[in-house]
Every structure is written in structure tokens, then in C-alpha cells.
Amino acid sequence: VSNQACHACPVACKIEVEVKDGKYKTKVESIEFESAWTFGANCLLS
């Protein structure tokens, strides 16, 4: 839904995502590579 930045940062690498309904409904920042991987490929969750 958006890219967020930290103080004085032009890169804005923080990805904010939203799951709008269902049992996984959420709105959360910081979908990092390591976080997506650790629950994803590491645990075979796609």
C-alpha cells in the first residue's frame, strides 16, 4: 500500500502491506527479505 522512510532517507525501503480481510487481516510495515524468507522458504509456506 505504501513505501515508508526513516529519518533523512530518500530511499524509503520499508514496504507497508495490507491484507484487507480474512483470518490474516493486517496492515504492517517492514516486510523484509529475511522476515519473508524465515516463514516462507525456510518453513515451506508460500
ModelCIF file with pLDDT and N, C-alpha, C, O atoms, coordinates in Angstrom:
data_MODEL
#
_entry.id   MODEL 
#
_entity.id                         1 
_entity.type                       polymer 
_entity.pdbx_number_of_molecules   1 
#
_entity_poly.entity_id                      1 
_entity_poly.type                           'polypeptide(L)' 
_entity_poly.nstd_linkage                   no 
_entity_poly.nstd_monomer                   no 
_entity_poly.pdbx_seq_one_letter_code       VSNQACHACPVACKIEVEVKDGKYKTKVESIEFESAWTFGANCLLS 
_entity_poly.pdbx_seq_one_letter_code_can   VSNQACHACPVACKIEVEVKDGKYKTKVESIEFESAWTFGANCLLS 
_entity_poly.pdbx_strand_id                 A 
#
loop_
_entity_poly_seq.entity_id 
_entity_poly_seq.num 
_entity_poly_seq.mon_id 
_entity_poly_seq.hetero 
1 1  VAL n 
1 2  SER n 
1 3  ASN n 
1 4  GLN n 
1 5  ALA n 
1 6  CYS n 
1 7  HIS n 
1 8  ALA n 
1 9  CYS n 
1 10 PRO n 
1 11 VAL n 
1 12 ALA n 
1 13 CYS n 
1 14 LYS n 
1 15 ILE n 
1 16 GLU n 
1 17 VAL n 
1 18 GLU n 
1 19 VAL n 
1 20 LYS n 
1 21 ASP n 
1 22 GLY n 
1 23 LYS n 
1 24 TYR n 
1 25 LYS n 
1 26 THR n 
1 27 LYS n 
1 28 VAL n 
1 29 GLU n 
1 30 SER n 
1 31 ILE n 
1 32 GLU n 
1 33 PHE n 
1 34 GLU n 
1 35 SER n 
1 36 ALA n 
1 37 TRP n 
1 38 THR n 
1 39 PHE n 
1 40 GLY n 
1 41 ALA n 
1 42 ASN n 
1 43 CYS n 
1 44 LEU n 
1 45 LEU n 
1 46 SER n 
#
_struct_asym.id          A 
_struct_asym.entity_id   1 
#
loop_
_ma_qa_metric.id 
_ma_qa_metric.mode 
_ma_qa_metric.name 
_ma_qa_metric.software_group_id 
_ma_qa_metric.type 
1 global pLDDT . pLDDT 
2 local  pLDDT . pLDDT 
#
_ma_qa_metric_global.metric_id      1 
_ma_qa_metric_global.metric_value   94.76 
_ma_qa_metric_global.model_id       1 
_ma_qa_metric_global.ordinal_id     1 
#
loop_
_ma_qa_metric_local.label_asym_id 
_ma_qa_metric_local.label_comp_id 
_ma_qa_metric_local.label_seq_id 
_ma_qa_metric_local.metric_id 
_ma_qa_metric_local.metric_value 
_ma_qa_metric_local.model_id 
_ma_qa_metric_local.ordinal_id 
A VAL 1  2 95.00 1 1  
A SER 2  2 93.00 1 2  
A ASN 3  2 91.00 1 3  
A GLN 4  2 92.00 1 4  
A ALA 5  2 93.00 1 5  
A CYS 6  2 95.00 1 6  
A HIS 7  2 95.00 1 7  
A ALA 8  2 94.00 1 8  
A CYS 9  2 95.00 1 9  
A PRO 10 2 94.00 1 10 
A VAL 11 2 94.00 1 11 
A ALA 12 2 93.00 1 12 
A CYS 13 2 93.00 1 13 
A LYS 14 2 92.00 1 14 
A ILE 15 2 91.00 1 15 
A GLU 16 2 94.00 1 16 
A VAL 17 2 96.00 1 17 
A GLU 18 2 97.00 1 18 
A VAL 19 2 97.00 1 19 
A LYS 20 2 97.00 1 20 
A ASP 21 2 97.00 1 21 
A GLY 22 2 97.00 1 22 
A LYS 23 2 97.00 1 23 
A TYR 24 2 98.00 1 24 
A LYS 25 2 98.00 1 25 
A THR 26 2 97.00 1 26 
A LYS 27 2 95.00 1 27 
A VAL 28 2 93.00 1 28 
A GLU 29 2 85.00 1 29 
A SER 30 2 71.00 1 30 
A ILE 31 2 88.00 1 31 
A GLU 32 2 94.00 1 32 
A PHE 33 2 97.00 1 33 
A GLU 34 2 97.00 1 34 
A SER 35 2 97.00 1 35 
A ALA 36 2 97.00 1 36 
A TRP 37 2 98.00 1 37 
A THR 38 2 98.00 1 38 
A PHE 39 2 98.00 1 39 
A GLY 40 2 98.00 1 40 
A ALA 41 2 98.00 1 41 
A ASN 42 2 98.00 1 42 
A CYS 43 2 98.00 1 43 
A LEU 44 2 98.00 1 44 
A LEU 45 2 98.00 1 45 
A SER 46 2 98.00 1 46 
#
loop_
_atom_site.group_PDB 
_atom_site.id 
_atom_site.type_symbol 
_atom_site.label_atom_id 
_atom_site.label_alt_id 
_atom_site.label_comp_id 
_atom_site.label_asym_id 
_atom_site.label_entity_id 
_atom_site.label_seq_id 
_atom_site.pdbx_PDB_ins_code 
_atom_site.Cartn_x 
_atom_site.Cartn_y 
_atom_site.Cartn_z 
_atom_site.occupancy 
_atom_site.B_iso_or_equiv 
_atom_site.pdbx_formal_charge 
_atom_site.auth_seq_id 
_atom_site.auth_comp_id 
_atom_site.auth_asym_id 
_atom_site.auth_atom_id 
_atom_site.pdbx_PDB_model_num 
ATOM 1   N N  . VAL A 1 1  ? 0.817   -1.213  0.000  1.00 95.00 ? 1  VAL A N  1 
ATOM 2   C CA . VAL A 1 1  ? 0.000   0.000   0.000  1.00 95.00 ? 1  VAL A CA 1 
ATOM 3   C C  . VAL A 1 1  ? 0.852   1.265   0.000  1.00 95.00 ? 1  VAL A C  1 
ATOM 4   O O  . VAL A 1 1  ? 0.391   2.318   -0.441 1.00 95.00 ? 1  VAL A O  1 
ATOM 5   N N  . SER A 1 2  ? 2.101   1.175   0.493  1.00 93.00 ? 2  SER A N  1 
ATOM 6   C CA . SER A 1 2  ? 2.959   2.364   0.507  1.00 93.00 ? 2  SER A CA 1 
ATOM 7   C C  . SER A 1 2  ? 4.406   1.970   0.781  1.00 93.00 ? 2  SER A C  1 
ATOM 8   O O  . SER A 1 2  ? 4.699   0.864   1.236  1.00 93.00 ? 2  SER A O  1 
ATOM 9   N N  . ASN A 1 3  ? 5.302   2.913   0.491  1.00 91.00 ? 3  ASN A N  1 
ATOM 10  C CA . ASN A 1 3  ? 6.708   2.803   0.896  1.00 91.00 ? 3  ASN A CA 1 
ATOM 11  C C  . ASN A 1 3  ? 6.962   3.842   1.976  1.00 91.00 ? 3  ASN A C  1 
ATOM 12  O O  . ASN A 1 3  ? 6.606   5.009   1.813  1.00 91.00 ? 3  ASN A O  1 
ATOM 13  N N  . GLN A 1 4  ? 7.573   3.428   3.073  1.00 92.00 ? 4  GLN A N  1 
ATOM 14  C CA . GLN A 1 4  ? 7.824   4.326   4.199  1.00 92.00 ? 4  GLN A CA 1 
ATOM 15  C C  . GLN A 1 4  ? 9.322   4.563   4.357  1.00 92.00 ? 4  GLN A C  1 
ATOM 16  O O  . GLN A 1 4  ? 10.138  3.703   4.025  1.00 92.00 ? 4  GLN A O  1 
ATOM 17  N N  . ALA A 1 5  ? 9.668   5.738   4.867  1.00 93.00 ? 5  ALA A N  1 
ATOM 18  C CA . ALA A 1 5  ? 11.079  6.114   5.038  1.00 93.00 ? 5  ALA A CA 1 
ATOM 19  C C  . ALA A 1 5  ? 11.397  6.361   6.501  1.00 93.00 ? 5  ALA A C  1 
ATOM 20  O O  . ALA A 1 5  ? 10.517  6.665   7.306  1.00 93.00 ? 5  ALA A O  1 
ATOM 21  N N  . CYS A 1 6  ? 12.654  6.225   6.822  1.00 95.00 ? 6  CYS A N  1 
ATOM 22  C CA . CYS A 1 6  ? 13.169  6.627   8.131  1.00 95.00 ? 6  CYS A CA 1 
ATOM 23  C C  . CYS A 1 6  ? 13.639  8.079   8.040  1.00 95.00 ? 6  CYS A C  1 
ATOM 24  O O  . CYS A 1 6  ? 13.581  8.687   6.972  1.00 95.00 ? 6  CYS A O  1 
ATOM 25  N N  . HIS A 1 7  ? 14.100  8.626   9.152  1.00 95.00 ? 7  HIS A N  1 
ATOM 26  C CA . HIS A 1 7  ? 14.609  9.998   9.173  1.00 95.00 ? 7  HIS A CA 1 
ATOM 27  C C  . HIS A 1 7  ? 15.684  10.204  8.103  1.00 95.00 ? 7  HIS A C  1 
ATOM 28  O O  . HIS A 1 7  ? 16.613  9.405   7.981  1.00 95.00 ? 7  HIS A O  1 
ATOM 29  N N  . ALA A 1 8  ? 15.548  11.262  7.348  1.00 94.00 ? 8  ALA A N  1 
ATOM 30  C CA . ALA A 1 8  ? 16.560  11.727  6.382  1.00 94.00 ? 8  ALA A CA 1 
ATOM 31  C C  . ALA A 1 8  ? 16.925  10.671  5.350  1.00 94.00 ? 8  ALA A C  1 
ATOM 32  O O  . ALA A 1 8  ? 18.077  10.592  4.923  1.00 94.00 ? 8  ALA A O  1 
ATOM 33  N N  . CYS A 1 9  ? 15.963  9.869   4.949  1.00 95.00 ? 9  CYS A N  1 
ATOM 34  C CA . CYS A 1 9  ? 16.258  8.810   3.982  1.00 95.00 ? 9  CYS A CA 1 
ATOM 35  C C  . CYS A 1 9  ? 15.459  9.001   2.699  1.00 95.00 ? 9  CYS A C  1 
ATOM 36  O O  . CYS A 1 9  ? 14.228  9.013   2.731  1.00 95.00 ? 9  CYS A O  1 
ATOM 37  N N  . PRO A 1 10 ? 16.151  9.150   1.563  1.00 94.00 ? 10 PRO A N  1 
ATOM 38  C CA . PRO A 1 10 ? 15.444  9.280   0.287  1.00 94.00 ? 10 PRO A CA 1 
ATOM 39  C C  . PRO A 1 10 ? 15.052  7.941   -0.339 1.00 94.00 ? 10 PRO A C  1 
ATOM 40  O O  . PRO A 1 10 ? 14.310  7.912   -1.322 1.00 94.00 ? 10 PRO A O  1 
ATOM 41  N N  . VAL A 1 11 ? 15.546  6.828   0.225  1.00 94.00 ? 11 VAL A N  1 
ATOM 42  C CA . VAL A 1 11 ? 15.350  5.522   -0.399 1.00 94.00 ? 11 VAL A CA 1 
ATOM 43  C C  . VAL A 1 11 ? 13.963  4.951   -0.125 1.00 94.00 ? 11 VAL A C  1 
ATOM 44  O O  . VAL A 1 11 ? 13.336  4.379   -1.017 1.00 94.00 ? 11 VAL A O  1 
ATOM 45  N N  . ALA A 1 12 ? 13.483  5.106   1.115  1.00 93.00 ? 12 ALA A N  1 
ATOM 46  C CA . ALA A 1 12 ? 12.152  4.611   1.514  1.00 93.00 ? 12 ALA A CA 1 
ATOM 47  C C  . ALA A 1 12 ? 11.985  3.129   1.202  1.00 93.00 ? 12 ALA A C  1 
ATOM 48  O O  . ALA A 1 12 ? 11.127  2.744   0.408  1.00 93.00 ? 12 ALA A O  1 
ATOM 49  N N  . CYS A 1 13 ? 12.815  2.303   1.834  1.00 93.00 ? 13 CYS A N  1 
ATOM 50  C CA . CYS A 1 13 ? 12.823  0.871   1.524  1.00 93.00 ? 13 CYS A CA 1 
ATOM 51  C C  . CYS A 1 13 ? 11.808  0.071   2.337  1.00 93.00 ? 13 CYS A C  1 
ATOM 52  O O  . CYS A 1 13 ? 11.646  -1.127  2.106  1.00 93.00 ? 13 CYS A O  1 
ATOM 53  N N  . LYS A 1 14 ? 11.115  0.717   3.292  1.00 92.00 ? 14 LYS A N  1 
ATOM 54  C CA . LYS A 1 14 ? 10.180  -0.014  4.137  1.00 92.00 ? 14 LYS A CA 1 
ATOM 55  C C  . LYS A 1 14 ? 8.831   -0.167  3.430  1.00 92.00 ? 14 LYS A C  1 
ATOM 56  O O  . LYS A 1 14 ? 8.147   0.819   3.154  1.00 92.00 ? 14 LYS A O  1 
ATOM 57  N N  . ILE A 1 15 ? 8.471   -1.390  3.150  1.00 91.00 ? 15 ILE A N  1 
ATOM 58  C CA . ILE A 1 15 ? 7.243   -1.691  2.414  1.00 91.00 ? 15 ILE A CA 1 
ATOM 59  C C  . ILE A 1 15 ? 6.098   -1.940  3.399  1.00 91.00 ? 15 ILE A C  1 
ATOM 60  O O  . ILE A 1 15 ? 6.178   -2.828  4.249  1.00 91.00 ? 15 ILE A O  1 
ATOM 61  N N  . GLU A 1 16 ? 5.044   -1.152  3.274  1.00 94.00 ? 16 GLU A N  1 
ATOM 62  C CA . GLU A 1 16 ? 3.850   -1.351  4.090  1.00 94.00 ? 16 GLU A CA 1 
ATOM 63  C C  . GLU A 1 16 ? 2.847   -2.156  3.270  1.00 94.00 ? 16 GLU A C  1 
ATOM 64  O O  . GLU A 1 16 ? 2.546   -1.804  2.130  1.00 94.00 ? 16 GLU A O  1 
ATOM 65  N N  . VAL A 1 17 ? 2.333   -3.235  3.851  1.00 96.00 ? 17 VAL A N  1 
ATOM 66  C CA . VAL A 1 17 ? 1.373   -4.079  3.149  1.00 96.00 ? 17 VAL A CA 1 
ATOM 67  C C  . VAL A 1 17 ? 0.073   -4.156  3.939  1.00 96.00 ? 17 VAL A C  1 
ATOM 68  O O  . VAL A 1 17 ? 0.044   -3.903  5.144  1.00 96.00 ? 17 VAL A O  1 
ATOM 69  N N  . GLU A 1 18 ? -0.989  -4.506  3.247  1.00 97.00 ? 18 GLU A N  1 
ATOM 70  C CA . GLU A 1 18 ? -2.285  -4.648  3.902  1.00 97.00 ? 18 GLU A CA 1 
ATOM 71  C C  . GLU A 1 18 ? -3.012  -5.881  3.361  1.00 97.00 ? 18 GLU A C  1 
ATOM 72  O O  . GLU A 1 18 ? -3.166  -6.061  2.152  1.00 97.00 ? 18 GLU A O  1 
ATOM 73  N N  . VAL A 1 19 ? -3.449  -6.712  4.291  1.00 97.00 ? 19 VAL A N  1 
ATOM 74  C CA . VAL A 1 19 ? -4.374  -7.800  3.980  1.00 97.00 ? 19 VAL A CA 1 
ATOM 75  C C  . VAL A 1 19 ? -5.737  -7.314  4.451  1.00 97.00 ? 19 VAL A C  1 
ATOM 76  O O  . VAL A 1 19 ? -5.953  -7.156  5.653  1.00 97.00 ? 19 VAL A O  1 
ATOM 77  N N  . LYS A 1 20 ? -6.647  -7.077  3.536  1.00 97.00 ? 20 LYS A N  1 
ATOM 78  C CA . LYS A 1 20 ? -7.857  -6.323  3.853  1.00 97.00 ? 20 LYS A CA 1 
ATOM 79  C C  . LYS A 1 20 ? -8.945  -7.134  4.546  1.00 97.00 ? 20 LYS A C  1 
ATOM 80  O O  . LYS A 1 20 ? -9.801  -6.558  5.218  1.00 97.00 ? 20 LYS A O  1 
ATOM 81  N N  . ASP A 1 21 ? -8.933  -8.434  4.403  1.00 97.00 ? 21 ASP A N  1 
ATOM 82  C CA . ASP A 1 21 ? -9.963  -9.226  5.078  1.00 97.00 ? 21 ASP A CA 1 
ATOM 83  C C  . ASP A 1 21 ? -9.475  -10.657 5.253  1.00 97.00 ? 21 ASP A C  1 
ATOM 84  O O  . ASP A 1 21 ? -8.391  -11.022 4.798  1.00 97.00 ? 21 ASP A O  1 
ATOM 85  N N  . GLY A 1 22 ? -10.291 -11.451 5.918  1.00 97.00 ? 22 GLY A N  1 
ATOM 86  C CA . GLY A 1 22 ? -9.929  -12.834 6.172  1.00 97.00 ? 22 GLY A CA 1 
ATOM 87  C C  . GLY A 1 22 ? -9.199  -13.004 7.490  1.00 97.00 ? 22 GLY A C  1 
ATOM 88  O O  . GLY A 1 22 ? -8.992  -12.036 8.222  1.00 97.00 ? 22 GLY A O  1 
ATOM 89  N N  . LYS A 1 23 ? -8.811  -14.229 7.792  1.00 97.00 ? 23 LYS A N  1 
ATOM 90  C CA . LYS A 1 23 ? -8.205  -14.509 9.095  1.00 97.00 ? 23 LYS A CA 1 
ATOM 91  C C  . LYS A 1 23 ? -6.806  -13.913 9.240  1.00 97.00 ? 23 LYS A C  1 
ATOM 92  O O  . LYS A 1 23 ? -6.288  -13.830 10.353 1.00 97.00 ? 23 LYS A O  1 
ATOM 93  N N  . TYR A 1 24 ? -6.188  -13.497 8.134  1.00 98.00 ? 24 TYR A N  1 
ATOM 94  C CA . TYR A 1 24 ? -4.865  -12.879 8.204  1.00 98.00 ? 24 TYR A CA 1 
ATOM 95  C C  . TYR A 1 24 ? -4.920  -11.360 7.991  1.00 98.00 ? 24 TYR A C  1 
ATOM 96  O O  . TYR A 1 24 ? -3.931  -10.741 7.597  1.00 98.00 ? 24 TYR A O  1 
ATOM 97  N N  . LYS A 1 25 ? -6.056  -10.792 8.250  1.00 98.00 ? 25 LYS A N  1 
ATOM 98  C CA . LYS A 1 25 ? -6.228  -9.351  8.072  1.00 98.00 ? 25 LYS A CA 1 
ATOM 99  C C  . LYS A 1 25 ? -5.207  -8.588  8.907  1.00 98.00 ? 25 LYS A C  1 
ATOM 100 O O  . LYS A 1 25 ? -5.087  -8.803  10.113 1.00 98.00 ? 25 LYS A O  1 
ATOM 101 N N  . THR A 1 26 ? -4.469  -7.687  8.242  1.00 97.00 ? 26 THR A N  1 
ATOM 102 C CA . THR A 1 26 ? -3.456  -6.914  8.946  1.00 97.00 ? 26 THR A CA 1 
ATOM 103 C C  . THR A 1 26 ? -2.972  -5.776  8.064  1.00 97.00 ? 26 THR A C  1 
ATOM 104 O O  . THR A 1 26 ? -3.176  -5.779  6.850  1.00 97.00 ? 26 THR A O  1 
ATOM 105 N N  . LYS A 1 27 ? -2.337  -4.817  8.687  1.00 95.00 ? 27 LYS A N  1 
ATOM 106 C CA . LYS A 1 27 ? -1.617  -3.757  7.984  1.00 95.00 ? 27 LYS A CA 1 
ATOM 107 C C  . LYS A 1 27 ? -0.301  -3.574  8.724  1.00 95.00 ? 27 LYS A C  1 
ATOM 108 O O  . LYS A 1 27 ? -0.277  -3.197  9.896  1.00 95.00 ? 27 LYS A O  1 
ATOM 109 N N  . VAL A 1 28 ? 0.785   -3.845  8.028  1.00 93.00 ? 28 VAL A N  1 
ATOM 110 C CA . VAL A 1 28 ? 2.065   -3.919  8.716  1.00 93.00 ? 28 VAL A CA 1 
ATOM 111 C C  . VAL A 1 28 ? 3.188   -3.407  7.823  1.00 93.00 ? 28 VAL A C  1 
ATOM 112 O O  . VAL A 1 28 ? 3.173   -3.609  6.608  1.00 93.00 ? 28 VAL A O  1 
ATOM 113 N N  . GLU A 1 29 ? 4.167   -2.739  8.443  1.00 85.00 ? 29 GLU A N  1 
ATOM 114 C CA . GLU A 1 29 ? 5.359   -2.292  7.736  1.00 85.00 ? 29 GLU A CA 1 
ATOM 115 C C  . GLU A 1 29 ? 6.448   -3.352  7.841  1.00 85.00 ? 29 GLU A C  1 
ATOM 116 O O  . GLU A 1 29 ? 6.312   -4.360  8.535  1.00 85.00 ? 29 GLU A O  1 
ATOM 117 N N  . SER A 1 30 ? 7.531   -3.080  7.124  1.00 71.00 ? 30 SER A N  1 
ATOM 118 C CA . SER A 1 30 ? 8.762   -3.851  7.265  1.00 71.00 ? 30 SER A CA 1 
ATOM 119 C C  . SER A 1 30 ? 8.622   -5.313  6.848  1.00 71.00 ? 30 SER A C  1 
ATOM 120 O O  . SER A 1 30 ? 8.945   -6.221  7.613  1.00 71.00 ? 30 SER A O  1 
ATOM 121 N N  . ILE A 1 31 ? 8.134   -5.529  5.620  1.00 88.00 ? 31 ILE A N  1 
ATOM 122 C CA . ILE A 1 31 ? 8.156   -6.871  5.045  1.00 88.00 ? 31 ILE A CA 1 
ATOM 123 C C  . ILE A 1 31 ? 9.567   -7.073  4.475  1.00 88.00 ? 31 ILE A C  1 
ATOM 124 O O  . ILE A 1 31 ? 9.798   -6.921  3.276  1.00 88.00 ? 31 ILE A O  1 
ATOM 125 N N  . GLU A 1 32 ? 10.495  -7.417  5.364  1.00 94.00 ? 32 GLU A N  1 
ATOM 126 C CA . GLU A 1 32 ? 11.892  -7.555  4.974  1.00 94.00 ? 32 GLU A CA 1 
ATOM 127 C C  . GLU A 1 32 ? 12.140  -8.907  4.309  1.00 94.00 ? 32 GLU A C  1 
ATOM 128 O O  . GLU A 1 32 ? 11.370  -9.852  4.482  1.00 94.00 ? 32 GLU A O  1 
ATOM 129 N N  . PHE A 1 33 ? 13.220  -8.978  3.553  1.00 97.00 ? 33 PHE A N  1 
ATOM 130 C CA . PHE A 1 33 ? 13.637  -10.219 2.904  1.00 97.00 ? 33 PHE A CA 1 
ATOM 131 C C  . PHE A 1 33 ? 13.787  -11.350 3.914  1.00 97.00 ? 33 PHE A C  1 
ATOM 132 O O  . PHE A 1 33 ? 13.255  -12.442 3.716  1.00 97.00 ? 33 PHE A O  1 
ATOM 133 N N  . GLU A 1 34 ? 14.517  -11.083 5.001  1.00 97.00 ? 34 GLU A N  1 
ATOM 134 C CA . GLU A 1 34 ? 14.758  -12.127 5.996  1.00 97.00 ? 34 GLU A CA 1 
ATOM 135 C C  . GLU A 1 34 ? 13.458  -12.581 6.657  1.00 97.00 ? 34 GLU A C  1 
ATOM 136 O O  . GLU A 1 34 ? 13.272  -13.773 6.904  1.00 97.00 ? 34 GLU A O  1 
ATOM 137 N N  . SER A 1 35 ? 12.567  -11.648 6.941  1.00 97.00 ? 35 SER A N  1 
ATOM 138 C CA . SER A 1 35 ? 11.307  -11.992 7.611  1.00 97.00 ? 35 SER A CA 1 
ATOM 139 C C  . SER A 1 35 ? 10.408  -12.812 6.698  1.00 97.00 ? 35 SER A C  1 
ATOM 140 O O  . SER A 1 35 ? 9.805   -13.793 7.135  1.00 97.00 ? 35 SER A O  1 
ATOM 141 N N  . ALA A 1 36 ? 10.316  -12.412 5.419  1.00 97.00 ? 36 ALA A N  1 
ATOM 142 C CA . ALA A 1 36 ? 9.505   -13.172 4.470  1.00 97.00 ? 36 ALA A CA 1 
ATOM 143 C C  . ALA A 1 36 ? 10.087  -14.566 4.257  1.00 97.00 ? 36 ALA A C  1 
ATOM 144 O O  . ALA A 1 36 ? 9.354   -15.551 4.170  1.00 97.00 ? 36 ALA A O  1 
ATOM 145 N N  . TRP A 1 37 ? 11.417  -14.634 4.174  1.00 98.00 ? 37 TRP A N  1 
ATOM 146 C CA . TRP A 1 37 ? 12.074  -15.932 3.956  1.00 98.00 ? 37 TRP A CA 1 
ATOM 147 C C  . TRP A 1 37 ? 11.932  -16.865 5.164  1.00 98.00 ? 37 TRP A C  1 
ATOM 148 O O  . TRP A 1 37 ? 11.660  -18.053 4.991  1.00 98.00 ? 37 TRP A O  1 
ATOM 149 N N  . THR A 1 38 ? 12.112  -16.348 6.377  1.00 98.00 ? 38 THR A N  1 
ATOM 150 C CA . THR A 1 38 ? 12.170  -17.232 7.546  1.00 98.00 ? 38 THR A CA 1 
ATOM 151 C C  . THR A 1 38 ? 10.864  -17.990 7.750  1.00 98.00 ? 38 THR A C  1 
ATOM 152 O O  . THR A 1 38 ? 10.876  -19.132 8.211  1.00 98.00 ? 38 THR A O  1 
ATOM 153 N N  . PHE A 1 39 ? 9.723   -17.355 7.406  1.00 98.00 ? 39 PHE A N  1 
ATOM 154 C CA . PHE A 1 39 ? 8.439   -18.050 7.466  1.00 98.00 ? 39 PHE A CA 1 
ATOM 155 C C  . PHE A 1 39 ? 8.075   -18.671 6.120  1.00 98.00 ? 39 PHE A C  1 
ATOM 156 O O  . PHE A 1 39 ? 7.215   -19.549 6.042  1.00 98.00 ? 39 PHE A O  1 
ATOM 157 N N  . GLY A 1 40 ? 8.741   -18.202 5.058  1.00 98.00 ? 40 GLY A N  1 
ATOM 158 C CA . GLY A 1 40 ? 8.447   -18.670 3.714  1.00 98.00 ? 40 GLY A CA 1 
ATOM 159 C C  . GLY A 1 40 ? 9.232   -19.917 3.355  1.00 98.00 ? 40 GLY A C  1 
ATOM 160 O O  . GLY A 1 40 ? 8.894   -21.014 3.801  1.00 98.00 ? 40 GLY A O  1 
ATOM 161 N N  . ALA A 1 41 ? 10.282  -19.760 2.552  1.00 98.00 ? 41 ALA A N  1 
ATOM 162 C CA . ALA A 1 41 ? 11.056  -20.910 2.082  1.00 98.00 ? 41 ALA A CA 1 
ATOM 163 C C  . ALA A 1 41 ? 11.600  -21.747 3.230  1.00 98.00 ? 41 ALA A C  1 
ATOM 164 O O  . ALA A 1 41 ? 11.647  -22.974 3.138  1.00 98.00 ? 41 ALA A O  1 
ATOM 165 N N  . ASN A 1 42 ? 12.003  -21.104 4.292  1.00 98.00 ? 42 ASN A N  1 
ATOM 166 C CA . ASN A 1 42 ? 12.560  -21.825 5.440  1.00 98.00 ? 42 ASN A CA 1 
ATOM 167 C C  . ASN A 1 42 ? 11.557  -22.815 6.038  1.00 98.00 ? 42 ASN A C  1 
ATOM 168 O O  . ASN A 1 42 ? 11.939  -23.884 6.515  1.00 98.00 ? 42 ASN A O  1 
ATOM 169 N N  . CYS A 1 43 ? 10.274  -22.452 6.007  1.00 98.00 ? 43 CYS A N  1 
ATOM 170 C CA . CYS A 1 43 ? 9.222   -23.302 6.573  1.00 98.00 ? 43 CYS A CA 1 
ATOM 171 C C  . CYS A 1 43 ? 8.273   -23.860 5.505  1.00 98.00 ? 43 CYS A C  1 
ATOM 172 O O  . CYS A 1 43 ? 7.260   -24.478 5.832  1.00 98.00 ? 43 CYS A O  1 
ATOM 173 N N  . LEU A 1 44 ? 8.606   -23.639 4.237  1.00 98.00 ? 44 LEU A N  1 
ATOM 174 C CA . LEU A 1 44 ? 7.778   -24.090 3.108  1.00 98.00 ? 44 LEU A CA 1 
ATOM 175 C C  . LEU A 1 44 ? 6.362   -23.519 3.167  1.00 98.00 ? 44 LEU A C  1 
ATOM 176 O O  . LEU A 1 44 ? 5.383   -24.228 2.937  1.00 98.00 ? 44 LEU A O  1 
ATOM 177 N N  . LEU A 1 45 ? 6.273   -22.221 3.479  1.00 98.00 ? 45 LEU A N  1 
ATOM 178 C CA . LEU A 1 45 ? 4.997   -21.502 3.484  1.00 98.00 ? 45 LEU A CA 1 
ATOM 179 C C  . LEU A 1 45 ? 5.020   -20.483 2.356  1.00 98.00 ? 45 LEU A C  1 
ATOM 180 O O  . LEU A 1 45 ? 5.858   -19.581 2.348  1.00 98.00 ? 45 LEU A O  1 
ATOM 181 N N  . SER A 1 46 ? 4.090   -20.623 1.392  1.00 98.00 ? 46 SER A N  1 
ATOM 182 C CA . SER A 1 46 ? 4.096   -19.737 0.221  1.00 98.00 ? 46 SER A CA 1 
ATOM 183 C C  . SER A 1 46 ? 2.975   -18.709 0.240  1.00 98.00 ? 46 SER A C  1 
ATOM 184 O O  . SER A 1 46 ? 2.861   -17.902 -0.682 1.00 98.00 ? 46 SER A O  1 
#
